Amino acid sequence: MNFSEIPENPLIFLSWVTAIGFFLSLTEATLKIKFEKLSTLQKRQEFINSLYPKI
């Protein structure tokens, strides 16, 4: 397969750019949700600890 003969089609290029952008956006959203859940759990635990201090 000779890759130097692949025709330059802007539609194919835009499709790849869109797919990569979608993948990055999905990854970012997933990480953001995970960190928000972790942060919420930590805040909840701190609140519970402040209400019921250890004796």
PDB file of N, CA and C in Angstrom:
ATOM      1  N   MET A   1       0.841  -1.168   0.000  1.00  0.00           N
ATOM      2  CA  MET A   1       0.000   0.000   0.000  1.00  0.00           C
ATOM      3  C   MET A   1       0.893   1.240   0.000  1.00  0.00           C
ATOM      4  N   ASN A   2       0.670   2.084  -0.967  1.00  0.00           N
ATOM      5  CA  ASN A   2       1.464   3.297  -1.064  1.00  0.00           C
ATOM      6  C   ASN A   2       0.638   4.463  -0.537  1.00  0.00           C
ATOM      7  N   PHE A   3       0.991   4.946   0.656  1.00  0.00           N
ATOM      8  CA  PHE A   3       0.199   5.982   1.300  1.00  0.00           C
ATOM      9  C   PHE A   3       0.421   7.362   0.691  1.00  0.00           C
ATOM     10  N   SER A   4       1.425   7.509  -0.144  1.00  0.00           N
ATOM     11  CA  SER A   4       1.660   8.806  -0.763  1.00  0.00           C
ATOM     12  C   SER A   4       0.639   9.091  -1.860  1.00  0.00           C
ATOM     13  N   GLU A   5      -0.101   8.076  -2.272  1.00  0.00           N
ATOM     14  CA  GLU A   5      -1.097   8.257  -3.334  1.00  0.00           C
ATOM     15  C   GLU A   5      -2.515   8.429  -2.797  1.00  0.00           C
ATOM     16  N   ILE A   6      -2.674   8.583  -1.478  1.00  0.00           N
ATOM     17  CA  ILE A   6      -4.006   8.796  -0.914  1.00  0.00           C
ATOM     18  C   ILE A   6      -4.469  10.198  -1.295  1.00  0.00           C
ATOM     19  N   PRO A   7      -5.622  10.296  -1.932  1.00  0.00           N
ATOM     20  CA  PRO A   7      -6.086  11.634  -2.332  1.00  0.00           C
ATOM     21  C   PRO A   7      -6.433  12.486  -1.104  1.00  0.00           C
ATOM     22  N   GLU A   8      -6.122  13.769  -1.194  1.00  0.00           N
ATOM     23  CA  GLU A   8      -6.412  14.684  -0.093  1.00  0.00           C
ATOM     24  C   GLU A   8      -7.866  15.100  -0.189  1.00  0.00           C
ATOM     25  N   ASN A   9      -8.657  14.557   0.710  1.00  0.00           N
ATOM     26  CA  ASN A   9     -10.075  14.865   0.724  1.00  0.00           C
ATOM     27  C   ASN A   9     -10.370  15.610   2.019  1.00  0.00           C
ATOM     28  N   PRO A  10     -10.829  16.864   1.921  1.00  0.00           N
ATOM     29  CA  PRO A  10     -11.071  17.621   3.155  1.00  0.00           C
ATOM     30  C   PRO A  10     -12.152  17.008   4.036  1.00  0.00           C
ATOM     31  N   LEU A  11     -13.090  16.280   3.448  1.00  0.00           N
ATOM     32  CA  LEU A  11     -14.149  15.652   4.226  1.00  0.00           C
ATOM     33  C   LEU A  11     -13.574  14.579   5.142  1.00  0.00           C
ATOM     34  N   ILE A  12     -12.630  13.791   4.645  1.00  0.00           N
ATOM     35  CA  ILE A  12     -11.998  12.751   5.459  1.00  0.00           C
ATOM     36  C   ILE A  12     -11.194  13.398   6.582  1.00  0.00           C
ATOM     37  N   PHE A  13     -10.454  14.456   6.259  1.00  0.00           N
ATOM     38  CA  PHE A  13      -9.667  15.152   7.276  1.00  0.00           C
ATOM     39  C   PHE A  13     -10.568  15.726   8.362  1.00  0.00           C
ATOM     40  N   LEU A  14     -11.660  16.373   7.979  1.00  0.00           N
ATOM     41  CA  LEU A  14     -12.589  16.945   8.960  1.00  0.00           C
ATOM     42  C   LEU A  14     -13.250  15.855   9.801  1.00  0.00           C
ATOM     43  N   SER A  15     -13.514  14.713   9.197  1.00  0.00           N
ATOM     44  CA  SER A  15     -14.095  13.603   9.950  1.00  0.00           C
ATOM     45  C   SER A  15     -13.132  13.123  11.034  1.00  0.00           C
ATOM     46  N   TRP A  16     -11.848  13.014  10.703  1.00  0.00           N
ATOM     47  CA  TRP A  16     -10.856  12.591  11.678  1.00  0.00           C
ATOM     48  C   TRP A  16     -10.704  13.612  12.787  1.00  0.00           C
ATOM     49  N   VAL A  17     -10.659  14.892  12.415  1.00  0.00           N
ATOM     50  CA  VAL A  17     -10.527  15.945  13.423  1.00  0.00           C
ATOM     51  C   VAL A  17     -11.736  15.935  14.348  1.00  0.00           C
ATOM     52  N   THR A  18     -12.920  15.757  13.786  1.00  0.00           N
ATOM     53  CA  THR A  18     -14.145  15.713  14.585  1.00  0.00           C
ATOM     54  C   THR A  18     -14.140  14.497  15.513  1.00  0.00           C
ATOM     55  N   ALA A  19     -13.722  13.360  15.010  1.00  0.00           N
ATOM     56  CA  ALA A  19     -13.681  12.142  15.827  1.00  0.00           C
ATOM     57  C   ALA A  19     -12.685  12.292  16.981  1.00  0.00           C
ATOM     58  N   ILE A  20     -11.526  12.854  16.695  1.00  0.00           N
ATOM     59  CA  ILE A  20     -10.521  13.045  17.753  1.00  0.00           C
ATOM     60  C   ILE A  20     -11.030  14.052  18.779  1.00  0.00           C
ATOM     61  N   GLY A  21     -11.652  15.135  18.306  1.00  0.00           N
ATOM     62  CA  GLY A  21     -12.214  16.127  19.222  1.00  0.00           C
ATOM     63  C   GLY A  21     -13.305  15.543  20.092  1.00  0.00           C
ATOM     64  N   PHE A  22     -14.155  14.716  19.504  1.00  0.00           N
ATOM     65  CA  PHE A  22     -15.218  14.065  20.265  1.00  0.00           C
ATOM     66  C   PHE A  22     -14.643  13.148  21.331  1.00  0.00           C
ATOM     67  N   PHE A  23     -13.617  12.390  20.973  1.00  0.00           N
ATOM     68  CA  PHE A  23     -12.982  11.477  21.921  1.00  0.00           C
ATOM     69  C   PHE A  23     -12.352  12.253  23.079  1.00  0.00           C
ATOM     70  N   LEU A  24     -11.658  13.353  22.769  1.00  0.00           N
ATOM     71  CA  LEU A  24     -11.046  14.161  23.827  1.00  0.00           C
ATOM     72  C   LEU A  24     -12.103  14.780  24.735  1.00  0.00           C
ATOM     73  N   SER A  25     -13.187  15.242  24.143  1.00  0.00           N
ATOM     74  CA  SER A  25     -14.258  15.843  24.928  1.00  0.00           C
ATOM     75  C   SER A  25     -14.907  14.808  25.844  1.00  0.00           C
ATOM     76  N   LEU A  26     -15.134  13.622  25.328  1.00  0.00           N
ATOM     77  CA  LEU A  26     -15.725  12.552  26.121  1.00  0.00           C
ATOM     78  C   LEU A  26     -14.804  12.152  27.271  1.00  0.00           C
ATOM     79  N   THR A  27     -13.505  12.082  27.001  1.00  0.00           N
ATOM     80  CA  THR A  27     -12.536  11.749  28.038  1.00  0.00           C
ATOM     81  C   THR A  27     -12.512  12.830  29.117  1.00  0.00           C
ATOM     82  N   GLU A  28     -12.521  14.090  28.694  1.00  0.00           N
ATOM     83  CA  GLU A  28     -12.510  15.190  29.650  1.00  0.00           C
ATOM     84  C   GLU A  28     -13.756  15.171  30.531  1.00  0.00           C
ATOM     85  N   ALA A  29     -14.910  14.939  29.932  1.00  0.00           N
ATOM     86  CA  ALA A  29     -16.158  14.904  30.694  1.00  0.00           C
ATOM     87  C   ALA A  29     -16.154  13.749  31.689  1.00  0.00           C
ATOM     88  N   THR A  30     -15.644  12.611  31.274  1.00  0.00           N
ATOM     89  CA  THR A  30     -15.587  11.452  32.167  1.00  0.00           C
ATOM     90  C   THR A  30     -14.689  11.736  33.372  1.00  0.00           C
ATOM     91  N   LEU A  31     -13.519  12.309  33.122  1.00  0.00           N
ATOM     92  CA  LEU A  31     -12.607  12.626  34.224  1.00  0.00           C
ATOM     93  C   LEU A  31     -13.205  13.688  35.141  1.00  0.00           C
ATOM     94  N   LYS A  32     -13.880  14.665  34.561  1.00  0.00           N
ATOM     95  CA  LYS A  32     -14.487  15.725  35.365  1.00  0.00           C
ATOM     96  C   LYS A  32     -15.566  15.153  36.287  1.00  0.00           C
ATOM     97  N   ILE A  33     -16.381  14.250  35.777  1.00  0.00           N
ATOM     98  CA  ILE A  33     -17.428  13.630  36.589  1.00  0.00           C
ATOM     99  C   ILE A  33     -16.813  12.821  37.723  1.00  0.00           C
ATOM    100  N   LYS A  34     -15.749  12.071  37.415  1.00  0.00           N
ATOM    101  CA  LYS A  34     -15.105  11.262  38.460  1.00  0.00           C
ATOM    102  C   LYS A  34     -14.528  12.140  39.556  1.00  0.00           C
ATOM    103  N   PHE A  35     -13.857  13.230  39.180  1.00  0.00           N
ATOM    104  CA  PHE A  35     -13.261  14.113  40.185  1.00  0.00           C
ATOM    105  C   PHE A  35     -14.330  14.846  40.979  1.00  0.00           C
ATOM    106  N   GLU A  36     -15.446  15.198  40.351  1.00  0.00           N
ATOM    107  CA  GLU A  36     -16.544  15.842  41.079  1.00  0.00           C
ATOM    108  C   GLU A  36     -17.144  14.884  42.101  1.00  0.00           C
ATOM    109  N   LYS A  37     -17.318  13.622  41.728  1.00  0.00           N
ATOM    110  CA  LYS A  37     -17.856  12.639  42.668  1.00  0.00           C
ATOM    111  C   LYS A  37     -16.910  12.449  43.844  1.00  0.00           C
ATOM    112  N   LEU A  38     -15.614  12.388  43.553  1.00  0.00           N
ATOM    113  CA  LEU A  38     -14.626  12.216  44.614  1.00  0.00           C
ATOM    114  C   LEU A  38     -14.625  13.421  45.540  1.00  0.00           C
ATOM    115  N   SER A  39     -14.703  14.606  44.970  1.00  0.00           N
ATOM    116  CA  SER A  39     -14.722  15.826  45.763  1.00  0.00           C
ATOM    117  C   SER A  39     -15.978  15.890  46.628  1.00  0.00           C
ATOM    118  N   THR A  40     -17.110  15.509  46.066  1.00  0.00           N
ATOM    119  CA  THR A  40     -18.360  15.514  46.811  1.00  0.00           C
ATOM    120  C   THR A  40     -18.306  14.534  47.978  1.00  0.00           C
ATOM    121  N   LEU A  41     -17.744  13.364  47.735  1.00  0.00           N
ATOM    122  CA  LEU A  41     -17.621  12.375  48.811  1.00  0.00           C
ATOM    123  C   LEU A  41     -16.713  12.883  49.925  1.00  0.00           C
ATOM    124  N   GLN A  42     -15.623  13.546  49.561  1.00  0.00           N
ATOM    125  CA  GLN A  42     -14.713  14.080  50.576  1.00  0.00           C
ATOM    126  C   GLN A  42     -15.381  15.179  51.385  1.00  0.00           C
ATOM    127  N   LYS A  43     -16.109  16.063  50.718  1.00  0.00           N
ATOM    128  CA  LYS A  43     -16.808  17.134  51.429  1.00  0.00           C
ATOM    129  C   LYS A  43     -17.869  16.560  52.359  1.00  0.00           C
ATOM    130  N   ARG A  44     -18.589  15.549  51.889  1.00  0.00           N
ATOM    131  CA  ARG A  44     -19.605  14.914  52.725  1.00  0.00           C
ATOM    132  C   ARG A  44     -18.985  14.271  53.946  1.00  0.00           C
ATOM    133  N   GLN A  45     -17.833  13.604  53.757  1.00  0.00           N
ATOM    134  CA  GLN A  45     -17.149  12.961  54.873  1.00  0.00           C
ATOM    135  C   GLN A  45     -16.654  13.995  55.880  1.00  0.00           C
ATOM    136  N   GLU A  46     -16.138  15.123  55.394  1.00  0.00           N
ATOM    137  CA  GLU A  46     -15.691  16.185  56.299  1.00  0.00           C
ATOM    138  C   GLU A  46     -16.865  16.764  57.079  1.00  0.00           C
ATOM    139  N   PHE A  47     -17.999  16.916  56.414  1.00  0.00           N
ATOM    140  CA  PHE A  47     -19.191  17.441  57.087  1.00  0.00           C
ATOM    141  C   PHE A  47     -19.676  16.483  58.171  1.00  0.00           C
ATOM    142  N   ILE A  48     -19.698  15.201  57.863  1.00  0.00           N
ATOM    143  CA  ILE A  48     -20.113  14.197  58.842  1.00  0.00           C
ATOM    144  C   ILE A  48     -19.145  14.185  60.016  1.00  0.00           C
ATOM    145  N   ASN A  49     -17.843  14.292  59.735  1.00  0.00           N
ATOM    146  CA  ASN A  49     -16.851  14.304  60.805  1.00  0.00           C
ATOM    147  C   ASN A  49     -16.996  15.542  61.682  1.00  0.00           C
ATOM    148  N   SER A  50     -17.416  16.649  61.109  1.00  0.00           N
ATOM    149  CA  SER A  50     -17.593  17.857  61.926  1.00  0.00           C
ATOM    150  C   SER A  50     -18.852  17.754  62.797  1.00  0.00           C
ATOM    151  N   LEU A  51     -19.853  17.016  62.331  1.00  0.00           N
ATOM    152  CA  LEU A  51     -21.061  16.842  63.125  1.00  0.00           C
ATOM    153  C   LEU A  51     -20.866  15.840  64.247  1.00  0.00           C
ATOM    154  N   TYR A  52     -20.110  14.790  63.962  1.00  0.00           N
ATOM    155  CA  TYR A  52     -19.879  13.747  64.937  1.00  0.00           C
ATOM    156  C   TYR A  52     -18.377  13.623  65.193  1.00  0.00           C
ATOM    157  N   PRO A  53     -17.809  14.494  65.996  1.00  0.00           N
ATOM    158  CA  PRO A  53     -16.364  14.407  66.237  1.00  0.00           C
ATOM    159  C   PRO A  53     -16.004  13.152  67.026  1.00  0.00           C
ATOM    160  N   LYS A  54     -14.798  12.676  66.812  1.00  0.00           N
ATOM    161  CA  LYS A  54     -14.330  11.497  67.536  1.00  0.00           C
ATOM    162  C   LYS A  54     -14.017  11.893  68.969  1.00  0.00           C
ATOM    163  N   ILE A  55     -14.360  11.008  69.874  1.00  0.00           N
ATOM    164  CA  ILE A  55     -14.168  11.294  71.304  1.00  0.00           C
ATOM    165  C   ILE A  55     -12.823  10.793  71.756  1.00  0.00           C
TER     166      ILE A  55
END
